[in-house]
PDB file of N, CA and C in Angstrom:
ATOM      1  N   MET A   1      85.422 154.331 -44.403  1.00  0.00           N
ATOM      2  CA  MET A   1      85.327 153.755 -45.742  1.00  0.00           C
ATOM      3  C   MET A   1      85.107 152.248 -45.626  1.00  0.00           C
ATOM      4  N   ARG A   2      84.204 151.752 -46.418  1.00  0.00           N
ATOM      5  CA  ARG A   2      83.902 150.317 -46.405  1.00  0.00           C
ATOM      6  C   ARG A   2      84.970 149.550 -47.157  1.00  0.00           C
ATOM      7  N   SER A   3      85.335 148.430 -46.610  1.00  0.00           N
ATOM      8  CA  SER A   3      86.281 147.571 -47.324  1.00  0.00           C
ATOM      9  C   SER A   3      85.495 146.520 -48.094  1.00  0.00           C
ATOM     10  N   SER A   4      86.031 146.115 -49.199  1.00  0.00           N
ATOM     11  CA  SER A   4      85.349 145.095 -49.991  1.00  0.00           C
ATOM     12  C   SER A   4      85.649 143.725 -49.396  1.00  0.00           C
ATOM     13  N   PRO A   5      84.722 142.787 -49.560  1.00  0.00           N
ATOM     14  CA  PRO A   5      84.931 141.453 -48.994  1.00  0.00           C
ATOM     15  C   PRO A   5      86.132 140.768 -49.626  1.00  0.00           C
ATOM     16  N   SER A   6      86.721 139.863 -48.883  1.00  0.00           N
ATOM     17  CA  SER A   6      87.897 139.150 -49.380  1.00  0.00           C
ATOM     18  C   SER A   6      87.516 137.945 -50.237  1.00  0.00           C
ATOM     19  N   PHE A   7      86.246 137.803 -50.525  1.00  0.00           N
ATOM     20  CA  PHE A   7      85.790 136.700 -51.365  1.00  0.00           C
ATOM     21  C   PHE A   7      84.896 137.262 -52.459  1.00  0.00           C
ATOM     22  N   THR A   8      84.676 136.468 -53.460  1.00  0.00           N
ATOM     23  CA  THR A   8      83.785 136.877 -54.541  1.00  0.00           C
ATOM     24  C   THR A   8      82.662 135.864 -54.663  1.00  0.00           C
ATOM     25  N   THR A   9      81.567 136.311 -55.183  1.00  0.00           N
ATOM     26  CA  THR A   9      80.437 135.430 -55.416  1.00  0.00           C
ATOM     27  C   THR A   9      80.341 135.195 -56.912  1.00  0.00           C
ATOM     28  N   THR A  10      80.257 133.938 -57.292  1.00  0.00           N
ATOM     29  CA  THR A  10      80.117 133.612 -58.707  1.00  0.00           C
ATOM     30  C   THR A  10      78.781 132.926 -58.927  1.00  0.00           C
ATOM     31  N   THR A  11      78.304 132.995 -60.126  1.00  0.00           N
ATOM     32  CA  THR A  11      77.075 132.308 -60.492  1.00  0.00           C
ATOM     33  C   THR A  11      77.347 130.810 -60.503  1.00  0.00           C
ATOM     34  N   PRO A  12      76.474 130.021 -59.875  1.00  0.00           N
ATOM     35  CA  PRO A  12      76.718 128.573 -59.863  1.00  0.00           C
ATOM     36  C   PRO A  12      76.684 128.000 -61.274  1.00  0.00           C
ATOM     37  N   HIS A  13      77.481 126.988 -61.471  1.00  0.00           N
ATOM     38  CA  HIS A  13      77.489 126.305 -62.760  1.00  0.00           C
ATOM     39  C   HIS A  13      76.164 125.579 -62.951  1.00  0.00           C
ATOM     40  N   THR A  14      75.871 125.253 -64.185  1.00  0.00           N
ATOM     41  CA  THR A  14      74.632 124.549 -64.494  1.00  0.00           C
ATOM     42  C   THR A  14      74.524 123.263 -63.688  1.00  0.00           C
ATOM     43  N   TYR A  15      75.620 122.546 -63.555  1.00  0.00           N
ATOM     44  CA  TYR A  15      75.629 121.285 -62.803  1.00  0.00           C
ATOM     45  C   TYR A  15      75.105 121.505 -61.386  1.00  0.00           C
ATOM     46  N   GLU A  16      75.598 122.530 -60.718  1.00  0.00           N
ATOM     47  CA  GLU A  16      75.173 122.818 -59.348  1.00  0.00           C
ATOM     48  C   GLU A  16      73.710 123.243 -59.300  1.00  0.00           C
ATOM     49  N   ARG A  17      73.291 124.059 -60.259  1.00  0.00           N
ATOM     50  CA  ARG A  17      71.889 124.508 -60.290  1.00  0.00           C
ATOM     51  C   ARG A  17      70.947 123.326 -60.496  1.00  0.00           C
ATOM     52  N   ILE A  18      71.328 122.406 -61.369  1.00  0.00           N
ATOM     53  CA  ILE A  18      70.506 121.215 -61.602  1.00  0.00           C
ATOM     54  C   ILE A  18      70.398 120.409 -60.311  1.00  0.00           C
ATOM     55  N   GLY A  19      71.520 120.197 -59.664  1.00  0.00           N
ATOM     56  CA  GLY A  19      71.521 119.445 -58.411  1.00  0.00           C
ATOM     57  C   GLY A  19      70.650 120.086 -57.349  1.00  0.00           C
ATOM     58  N   HIS A  20      70.741 121.405 -57.214  1.00  0.00           N
ATOM     59  CA  HIS A  20      69.916 122.116 -56.229  1.00  0.00           C
ATOM     60  C   HIS A  20      68.432 122.026 -56.586  1.00  0.00           C
ATOM     61  N   ARG A  21      68.133 122.140 -57.867  1.00  0.00           N
ATOM     62  CA  ARG A  21      66.729 122.088 -58.295  1.00  0.00           C
ATOM     63  C   ARG A  21      66.125 120.714 -58.005  1.00  0.00           C
ATOM     64  N   ILE A  22      66.861 119.659 -58.340  1.00  0.00           N
ATOM     65  CA  ILE A  22      66.350 118.314 -58.083  1.00  0.00           C
ATOM     66  C   ILE A  22      66.267 118.054 -56.581  1.00  0.00           C
ATOM     67  N   ARG A  23      67.255 118.509 -55.832  1.00  0.00           N
ATOM     68  CA  ARG A  23      67.211 118.356 -54.371  1.00  0.00           C
ATOM     69  C   ARG A  23      65.966 119.024 -53.797  1.00  0.00           C
ATOM     70  N   ASP A  24      65.652 120.231 -54.286  1.00  0.00           N
ATOM     71  CA  ASP A  24      64.462 120.933 -53.801  1.00  0.00           C
ATOM     72  C   ASP A  24      63.185 120.166 -54.144  1.00  0.00           C
ATOM     73  N   LEU A  25      63.126 119.593 -55.339  1.00  0.00           N
ATOM     74  CA  LEU A  25      61.957 118.802 -55.725  1.00  0.00           C
ATOM     75  C   LEU A  25      61.814 117.573 -54.833  1.00  0.00           C
ATOM     76  N   VAL A  26      62.910 116.868 -54.620  1.00  0.00           N
ATOM     77  CA  VAL A  26      62.892 115.644 -53.815  1.00  0.00           C
ATOM     78  C   VAL A  26      62.557 115.950 -52.355  1.00  0.00           C
ATOM     79  N   SER A  27      62.940 117.109 -51.871  1.00  0.00           N
ATOM     80  CA  SER A  27      62.710 117.480 -50.465  1.00  0.00           C
ATOM     81  C   SER A  27      61.274 117.879 -50.168  1.00  0.00           C
ATOM     82  N   ASP A  28      60.480 118.122 -51.188  1.00  0.00           N
ATOM     83  CA  ASP A  28      59.091 118.529 -50.983  1.00  0.00           C
ATOM     84  C   ASP A  28      58.342 117.441 -50.206  1.00  0.00           C
ATOM     85  N   PRO A  29      57.588 117.806 -49.164  1.00  0.00           N
ATOM     86  CA  PRO A  29      56.872 116.804 -48.360  1.00  0.00           C
ATOM     87  C   PRO A  29      55.941 115.899 -49.167  1.00  0.00           C
ATOM     88  N   LYS A  30      55.279 116.438 -50.186  1.00  0.00           N
ATOM     89  CA  LYS A  30      54.388 115.609 -51.012  1.00  0.00           C
ATOM     90  C   LYS A  30      55.187 114.560 -51.776  1.00  0.00           C
ATOM     91  N   VAL A  31      56.332 114.969 -52.296  1.00  0.00           N
ATOM     92  CA  VAL A  31      57.194 114.041 -53.027  1.00  0.00           C
ATOM     93  C   VAL A  31      57.768 112.999 -52.072  1.00  0.00           C
ATOM     94  N   GLN A  32      58.110 113.402 -50.867  1.00  0.00           N
ATOM     95  CA  GLN A  32      58.632 112.459 -49.876  1.00  0.00           C
ATOM     96  C   GLN A  32      57.605 111.379 -49.542  1.00  0.00           C
ATOM     97  N   ARG A  33      56.335 111.753 -49.478  1.00  0.00           N
ATOM     98  CA  ARG A  33      55.287 110.752 -49.221  1.00  0.00           C
ATOM     99  C   ARG A  33      55.181 109.759 -50.373  1.00  0.00           C
ATOM    100  N   LEU A  34      55.268 110.275 -51.594  1.00  0.00           N
ATOM    101  CA  LEU A  34      55.196 109.403 -52.773  1.00  0.00           C
ATOM    102  C   LEU A  34      56.479 108.603 -52.981  1.00  0.00           C
ATOM    103  N   GLN A  35      57.588 109.168 -52.571  1.00  0.00           N
ATOM    104  CA  GLN A  35      58.920 108.598 -52.743  1.00  0.00           C
ATOM    105  C   GLN A  35      59.297 108.427 -54.209  1.00  0.00           C
ATOM    106  N   CYS A  36      58.829 109.357 -55.028  1.00  0.00           N
ATOM    107  CA  CYS A  36      59.226 109.384 -56.430  1.00  0.00           C
ATOM    108  C   CYS A  36      58.902 110.747 -57.026  1.00  0.00           C
ATOM    109  N   VAL A  37      59.606 111.084 -58.097  1.00  0.00           N
ATOM    110  CA  VAL A  37      59.386 112.354 -58.779  1.00  0.00           C
ATOM    111  C   VAL A  37      59.832 112.195 -60.232  1.00  0.00           C
ATOM    112  N   THR A  38      59.192 112.923 -61.123  1.00  0.00           N
ATOM    113  CA  THR A  38      59.598 112.952 -62.521  1.00  0.00           C
ATOM    114  C   THR A  38      60.209 114.317 -62.800  1.00  0.00           C
ATOM    115  N   VAL A  39      61.397 114.308 -63.398  1.00  0.00           N
ATOM    116  CA  VAL A  39      62.124 115.553 -63.670  1.00  0.00           C
ATOM    117  C   VAL A  39      62.450 115.651 -65.149  1.00  0.00           C
ATOM    118  N   ARG A  40      62.630 116.882 -65.597  1.00  0.00           N
ATOM    119  CA  ARG A  40      62.957 117.152 -66.997  1.00  0.00           C
ATOM    120  C   ARG A  40      63.983 118.278 -67.037  1.00  0.00           C
ATOM    121  N   ARG A  41      64.922 118.194 -67.966  1.00  0.00           N
ATOM    122  CA  ARG A  41      65.935 119.234 -68.135  1.00  0.00           C
ATOM    123  C   ARG A  41      65.276 120.523 -68.614  1.00  0.00           C
ATOM    124  N   LEU A  42      65.665 121.639 -67.999  1.00  0.00           N
ATOM    125  CA  LEU A  42      65.182 122.940 -68.437  1.00  0.00           C
ATOM    126  C   LEU A  42      66.027 123.418 -69.612  1.00  0.00           C
ATOM    127  N   GLU A  43      65.474 124.300 -70.426  1.00  0.00           N
ATOM    128  CA  GLU A  43      66.165 124.758 -71.635  1.00  0.00           C
ATOM    129  C   GLU A  43      67.514 125.400 -71.354  1.00  0.00           C
ATOM    130  N   ASP A  44      67.643 126.083 -70.219  1.00  0.00           N
ATOM    131  CA  ASP A  44      68.901 126.777 -69.923  1.00  0.00           C
ATOM    132  C   ASP A  44      69.930 125.887 -69.222  1.00  0.00           C
ATOM    133  N   GLU A  45      69.614 124.602 -69.052  1.00  0.00           N
ATOM    134  CA  GLU A  45      70.534 123.675 -68.395  1.00  0.00           C
ATOM    135  C   GLU A  45      71.346 122.912 -69.440  1.00  0.00           C
ATOM    136  N   ASP A  46      72.633 122.840 -69.209  1.00  0.00           N
ATOM    137  CA  ASP A  46      73.540 122.174 -70.135  1.00  0.00           C
ATOM    138  C   ASP A  46      73.231 120.672 -70.207  1.00  0.00           C
ATOM    139  N   PRO A  47      73.046 120.128 -71.411  1.00  0.00           N
ATOM    140  CA  PRO A  47      72.724 118.703 -71.546  1.00  0.00           C
ATOM    141  C   PRO A  47      73.787 117.772 -70.945  1.00  0.00           C
ATOM    142  N   THR A  48      75.058 118.145 -71.042  1.00  0.00           N
ATOM    143  CA  THR A  48      76.124 117.325 -70.470  1.00  0.00           C
ATOM    144  C   THR A  48      76.030 117.310 -68.948  1.00  0.00           C
ATOM    145  N   ASP A  49      75.807 118.475 -68.350  1.00  0.00           N
ATOM    146  CA  ASP A  49      75.650 118.550 -66.898  1.00  0.00           C
ATOM    147  C   ASP A  49      74.400 117.796 -66.450  1.00  0.00           C
ATOM    148  N   TRP A  50      73.336 117.914 -67.227  1.00  0.00           N
ATOM    149  CA  TRP A  50      72.088 117.216 -66.908  1.00  0.00           C
ATOM    150  C   TRP A  50      72.327 115.707 -66.864  1.00  0.00           C
ATOM    151  N   ARG A  51      72.975 115.188 -67.899  1.00  0.00           N
ATOM    152  CA  ARG A  51      73.247 113.749 -67.978  1.00  0.00           C
ATOM    153  C   ARG A  51      74.144 113.316 -66.814  1.00  0.00           C
ATOM    154  N   ARG A  52      75.116 114.143 -66.468  1.00  0.00           N
ATOM    155  CA  ARG A  52      76.012 113.823 -65.345  1.00  0.00           C
ATOM    156  C   ARG A  52      75.233 113.708 -64.033  1.00  0.00           C
ATOM    157  N   VAL A  53      74.349 114.660 -63.765  1.00  0.00           N
ATOM    158  CA  VAL A  53      73.551 114.619 -62.537  1.00  0.00           C
ATOM    159  C   VAL A  53      72.659 113.378 -62.526  1.00  0.00           C
ATOM    160  N   ILE A  54      71.978 113.111 -63.631  1.00  0.00           N
ATOM    161  CA  ILE A  54      71.098 111.936 -63.708  1.00  0.00           C
ATOM    162  C   ILE A  54      71.897 110.653 -63.484  1.00  0.00           C
ATOM    163  N   ASN A  55      73.074 110.543 -64.094  1.00  0.00           N
ATOM    164  CA  ASN A  55      73.910 109.353 -63.908  1.00  0.00           C
ATOM    165  C   ASN A  55      74.359 109.204 -62.460  1.00  0.00           C
ATOM    166  N   GLU A  56      74.696 110.313 -61.816  1.00  0.00           N
ATOM    167  CA  GLU A  56      75.119 110.245 -60.415  1.00  0.00           C
ATOM    168  C   GLU A  56      73.958 109.828 -59.516  1.00  0.00           C
ATOM    169  N   ILE A  57      72.773 110.336 -59.796  1.00  0.00           N
ATOM    170  CA  ILE A  57      71.598 109.931 -59.015  1.00  0.00           C
ATOM    171  C   ILE A  57      71.333 108.443 -59.229  1.00  0.00           C
ATOM    172  N   ALA A  58      71.431 107.997 -60.481  1.00  0.00           N
ATOM    173  CA  ALA A  58      71.167 106.593 -60.807  1.00  0.00           C
ATOM    174  C   ALA A  58      72.157 105.645 -60.137  1.00  0.00           C
ATOM    175  N   SER A  59      73.360 106.119 -59.857  1.00  0.00           N
ATOM    176  CA  SER A  59      74.367 105.252 -59.235  1.00  0.00           C
ATOM    177  C   SER A  59      74.252 105.223 -57.710  1.00  0.00           C
ATOM    178  N   THR A  60      73.274 105.933 -57.154  1.00  0.00           N
ATOM    179  CA  THR A  60      73.060 105.949 -55.709  1.00  0.00           C
ATOM    180  C   THR A  60      72.294 104.698 -55.290  1.00  0.00           C
ATOM    181  N   ALA A  61      72.798 104.019 -54.267  1.00  0.00           N
ATOM    182  CA  ALA A  61      72.138 102.807 -53.766  1.00  0.00           C
ATOM    183  C   ALA A  61      70.728 103.130 -53.292  1.00  0.00           C
ATOM    184  N   GLY A  62      69.763 102.287 -53.681  1.00  0.00           N
ATOM    185  CA  GLY A  62      68.381 102.464 -53.252  1.00  0.00           C
ATOM    186  C   GLY A  62      67.583 103.436 -54.090  1.00  0.00           C
ATOM    187  N   VAL A  63      68.179 103.927 -55.173  1.00  0.00           N
ATOM    188  CA  VAL A  63      67.491 104.877 -56.052  1.00  0.00           C
ATOM    189  C   VAL A  63      67.386 104.261 -57.438  1.00  0.00           C
ATOM    190  N   LYS A  64      66.225 104.381 -58.031  1.00  0.00           N
ATOM    191  CA  LYS A  64      65.979 103.860 -59.377  1.00  0.00           C
ATOM    192  C   LYS A  64      65.654 105.044 -60.287  1.00  0.00           C
ATOM    193  N   VAL A  65      66.326 105.133 -61.424  1.00  0.00           N
ATOM    194  CA  VAL A  65      66.084 106.203 -62.393  1.00  0.00           C
ATOM    195  C   VAL A  65      65.713 105.552 -63.717  1.00  0.00           C
ATOM    196  N   GLU A  66      64.580 105.971 -64.273  1.00  0.00           N
ATOM    197  CA  GLU A  66      64.133 105.447 -65.569  1.00  0.00           C
ATOM    198  C   GLU A  66      63.806 106.609 -66.489  1.00  0.00           C
ATOM    199  N   GLU A  67      64.243 106.505 -67.744  1.00  0.00           N
ATOM    200  CA  GLU A  67      63.862 107.505 -68.734  1.00  0.00           C
ATOM    201  C   GLU A  67      62.434 107.187 -69.162  1.00  0.00           C
ATOM    202  N   VAL A  68      61.564 108.191 -69.129  1.00  0.00           N
ATOM    203  CA  VAL A  68      60.148 107.960 -69.436  1.00  0.00           C
ATOM    204  C   VAL A  68      59.708 108.633 -70.730  1.00  0.00           C
ATOM    205  N   GLY A  69      60.652 109.173 -71.492  1.00  0.00           N
ATOM    206  CA  GLY A  69      60.327 109.781 -72.771  1.00  0.00           C
ATOM    207  C   GLY A  69      60.311 111.293 -72.717  1.00  0.00           C
ATOM    208  N   ASN A  70      60.490 111.896 -73.874  1.00  0.00           N
ATOM    209  CA  ASN A  70      60.504 113.352 -74.019  1.00  0.00           C
ATOM    210  C   ASN A  70      61.512 114.025 -73.095  1.00  0.00           C
ATOM    211  N   GLY A  71      62.612 113.331 -72.799  1.00  0.00           N
ATOM    212  CA  GLY A  71      63.665 113.901 -71.963  1.00  0.00           C
ATOM    213  C   GLY A  71      63.385 113.885 -70.479  1.00  0.00           C
ATOM    214  N   ALA A  72      62.303 113.249 -70.066  1.00  0.00           N
ATOM    215  CA  ALA A  72      61.949 113.192 -68.644  1.00  0.00           C
ATOM    216  C   ALA A  72      62.509 111.921 -68.012  1.00  0.00           C
ATOM    217  N   PHE A  73      62.809 112.021 -66.719  1.00  0.00           N
ATOM    218  CA  PHE A  73      63.311 110.885 -65.956  1.00  0.00           C
ATOM    219  C   PHE A  73      62.485 110.734 -64.694  1.00  0.00           C
ATOM    220  N   HIS A  74      62.145 109.499 -64.390  1.00  0.00           N
ATOM    221  CA  HIS A  74      61.398 109.167 -63.176  1.00  0.00           C
ATOM    222  C   HIS A  74      62.420 108.690 -62.150  1.00  0.00           C
ATOM    223  N   ILE A  75      62.467 109.353 -61.001  1.00  0.00           N
ATOM    224  CA  ILE A  75      63.389 108.999 -59.927  1.00  0.00           C
ATOM    225  C   ILE A  75      62.558 108.467 -58.770  1.00  0.00           C
ATOM    226  N   ALA A  76      62.885 107.273 -58.293  1.00  0.00           N
ATOM    227  CA  ALA A  76      62.141 106.659 -57.187  1.00  0.00           C
ATOM    228  C   ALA A  76      63.129 106.074 -56.187  1.00  0.00           C
ATOM    229  N   TRP A  77      62.680 105.957 -54.938  1.00  0.00           N
ATOM    230  CA  TRP A  77      63.528 105.413 -53.874  1.00  0.00           C
ATOM    231  C   TRP A  77      62.655 104.702 -52.854  1.00  0.00           C
ATOM    232  N   ASN A  78      63.287 103.931 -51.976  1.00  0.00           N
ATOM    233  CA  ASN A  78      62.585 103.194 -50.913  1.00  0.00           C
ATOM    234  C   ASN A  78      61.448 102.329 -51.441  1.00  0.00           C
ATOM    235  N   GLY A  79      61.772 101.341 -52.229  1.00  0.00           N
ATOM    236  CA  GLY A  79      60.760 100.411 -52.715  1.00  0.00           C
ATOM    237  C   GLY A  79      60.209 100.768 -54.079  1.00  0.00           C
ATOM    238  N   TYR A  80      60.528 101.951 -54.575  1.00  0.00           N
ATOM    239  CA  TYR A  80      60.097 102.399 -55.896  1.00  0.00           C
ATOM    240  C   TYR A  80      58.584 102.474 -56.003  1.00  0.00           C
ATOM    241  N   CYS A  81      58.107 103.531 -56.576  1.00  0.00           N
ATOM    242  CA  CYS A  81      56.657 103.694 -56.741  1.00  0.00           C
ATOM    243  C   CYS A  81      56.261 103.382 -58.180  1.00  0.00           C
ATOM    244  N   ASP A  82      54.985 103.225 -58.404  1.00  0.00           N
ATOM    245  CA  ASP A  82      54.491 102.852 -59.730  1.00  0.00           C
ATOM    246  C   ASP A  82      53.768 103.982 -60.448  1.00  0.00           C
ATOM    247  N   SER A  83      53.928 105.221 -60.003  1.00  0.00           N
ATOM    248  CA  SER A  83      53.186 106.313 -60.662  1.00  0.00           C
ATOM    249  C   SER A  83      53.884 106.807 -61.901  1.00  0.00           C
TER     250      SER A  83
END
């Protein structure tokens, strides 16, 4: 008889999903060459969690975050890009 695992898997909170999504975008080789990316909150992402993630990114040394309108944010690092 199979025993059930001693741990459970839960669905990640919106905050974690937002962080993973932005991390994946930033990790893309094309984005790394540009050293900037524009991100927007998805409809299923909690606005409070979204704002928290953006604020935490903005407080990181060497990273610049600017709101560019329509809920989008431009994130740049290492000298900041002009795109």
